[in-house]
Amino acid sequence: MQFHKSRLKFVLPLSLGVAIAANIMLVNNYQEVPDQNRIYIVIGAALLTAVISYFLFPQDGDHPEDRDSK
């Protein structure tokens, strides 16, 4: 499996959006969560989103049938 830089144009905005949404939800709905734990939750949500979205967005050549057999 190759690293595809073109996937980053999907992964980074999704991760940023999830981080912002998680932070807003934690601030508005869960005030009892300490600030340090909020940061850990937001970072964890962003990283999990990045990993999942990296593997779910297919690129040309990912499928074995797409490759030329030389």
C-alpha atoms as a PDB file:
ATOM      1  CA  MET A   1       0.000   0.000   0.000  1.00  0.00           C
ATOM      2  CA  GLN A   2       1.332   3.403  -0.970  1.00  0.00           C
ATOM      3  CA  PHE A   3       0.941   6.702   0.833  1.00  0.00           C
ATOM      4  CA  HIS A   4      -1.293   8.957  -1.263  1.00  0.00           C
ATOM      5  CA  LYS A   5      -0.838  12.678  -0.702  1.00  0.00           C
ATOM      6  CA  SER A   6      -4.026  13.370  -2.626  1.00  0.00           C
ATOM      7  CA  ARG A   7      -6.017  11.742   0.176  1.00  0.00           C
ATOM      8  CA  LEU A   8      -4.892  14.473   2.543  1.00  0.00           C
ATOM      9  CA  LYS A   9      -7.198  16.952   0.851  1.00  0.00           C
ATOM     10  CA  PHE A  10     -10.082  14.914   2.291  1.00  0.00           C
ATOM     11  CA  VAL A  11      -8.511  13.744   5.542  1.00  0.00           C
ATOM     12  CA  LEU A  12      -7.343  17.080   6.933  1.00  0.00           C
ATOM     13  CA  PRO A  13     -10.619  19.022   6.519  1.00  0.00           C
ATOM     14  CA  LEU A  14     -12.597  16.121   7.987  1.00  0.00           C
ATOM     15  CA  SER A  15     -10.279  15.902  10.977  1.00  0.00           C
ATOM     16  CA  LEU A  16     -10.421  19.632  11.520  1.00  0.00           C
ATOM     17  CA  GLY A  17     -14.217  19.616  11.299  1.00  0.00           C
ATOM     18  CA  VAL A  18     -14.505  16.774  13.792  1.00  0.00           C
ATOM     19  CA  ALA A  19     -12.104  18.497  16.183  1.00  0.00           C
ATOM     20  CA  ILE A  20     -14.110  21.729  16.055  1.00  0.00           C
ATOM     21  CA  ALA A  21     -17.431  19.908  16.452  1.00  0.00           C
ATOM     22  CA  ALA A  22     -16.109  17.835  19.373  1.00  0.00           C
ATOM     23  CA  ASN A  23     -14.799  20.927  21.101  1.00  0.00           C
ATOM     24  CA  ILE A  24     -18.096  22.786  20.662  1.00  0.00           C
ATOM     25  CA  MET A  25     -20.090  19.819  21.967  1.00  0.00           C
ATOM     26  CA  LEU A  26     -17.820  19.391  24.983  1.00  0.00           C
ATOM     27  CA  VAL A  27     -17.924  23.088  25.881  1.00  0.00           C
ATOM     28  CA  ASN A  28     -21.693  23.423  25.492  1.00  0.00           C
ATOM     29  CA  ASN A  29     -22.968  20.117  26.860  1.00  0.00           C
ATOM     30  CA  TYR A  30     -20.284  18.746  29.193  1.00  0.00           C
ATOM     31  CA  GLN A  31     -18.940  21.578  31.342  1.00  0.00           C
ATOM     32  CA  GLU A  32     -17.971  19.122  34.080  1.00  0.00           C
ATOM     33  CA  VAL A  33     -15.221  17.574  31.921  1.00  0.00           C
ATOM     34  CA  PRO A  34     -11.826  19.046  32.904  1.00  0.00           C
ATOM     35  CA  ASP A  35      -9.997  21.132  30.276  1.00  0.00           C
ATOM     36  CA  GLN A  36      -7.086  18.707  29.956  1.00  0.00           C
ATOM     37  CA  ASN A  37      -9.448  15.794  29.290  1.00  0.00           C
ATOM     38  CA  ARG A  38     -11.326  17.872  26.696  1.00  0.00           C
ATOM     39  CA  ILE A  39      -8.091  18.384  24.808  1.00  0.00           C
ATOM     40  CA  TYR A  40      -7.374  14.639  24.880  1.00  0.00           C
ATOM     41  CA  ILE A  41     -10.877  13.832  23.643  1.00  0.00           C
ATOM     42  CA  VAL A  42     -10.651  16.355  20.800  1.00  0.00           C
ATOM     43  CA  ILE A  43      -7.211  15.110  19.705  1.00  0.00           C
ATOM     44  CA  GLY A  44      -8.354  11.481  19.887  1.00  0.00           C
ATOM     45  CA  ALA A  45     -11.459  12.202  17.829  1.00  0.00           C
ATOM     46  CA  ALA A  46      -9.416  14.030  15.186  1.00  0.00           C
ATOM     47  CA  LEU A  47      -6.800  11.258  14.949  1.00  0.00           C
ATOM     48  CA  LEU A  48      -9.404   8.500  14.773  1.00  0.00           C
ATOM     49  CA  THR A  49     -11.233  10.391  12.029  1.00  0.00           C
ATOM     50  CA  ALA A  50      -7.980  10.866  10.106  1.00  0.00           C
ATOM     51  CA  VAL A  51      -7.076   7.183  10.214  1.00  0.00           C
ATOM     52  CA  ILE A  52     -10.542   5.956   9.291  1.00  0.00           C
ATOM     53  CA  SER A  53     -11.052   8.464   6.484  1.00  0.00           C
ATOM     54  CA  TYR A  54      -7.579   7.799   5.050  1.00  0.00           C
ATOM     55  CA  PHE A  55      -8.450   4.159   4.497  1.00  0.00           C
ATOM     56  CA  LEU A  56     -12.058   4.695   3.409  1.00  0.00           C
ATOM     57  CA  PHE A  57     -11.371   7.153   0.569  1.00  0.00           C
ATOM     58  CA  PRO A  58     -10.158   4.999  -2.324  1.00  0.00           C
ATOM     59  CA  GLN A  59      -7.556   6.176  -4.829  1.00  0.00           C
ATOM     60  CA  ASP A  60      -6.721   5.036  -8.320  1.00  0.00           C
ATOM     61  CA  GLY A  61      -4.604   1.916  -8.118  1.00  0.00           C
ATOM     62  CA  ASP A  62      -5.780   0.780  -4.681  1.00  0.00           C
ATOM     63  CA  HIS A  63      -7.791  -2.104  -6.078  1.00  0.00           C
ATOM     64  CA  PRO A  64      -5.694  -4.923  -7.589  1.00  0.00           C
ATOM     65  CA  GLU A  65      -7.885  -5.001 -10.725  1.00  0.00           C
ATOM     66  CA  ASP A  66      -7.043  -1.336 -11.411  1.00  0.00           C
ATOM     67  CA  ARG A  67      -3.338  -2.065 -11.802  1.00  0.00           C
ATOM     68  CA  ASP A  68      -1.711  -3.044 -15.056  1.00  0.00           C
ATOM     69  CA  SER A  69      -0.305  -6.549 -15.006  1.00  0.00           C
ATOM     70  CA  LYS A  70       3.216  -6.104 -16.341  1.00  0.00           C
END
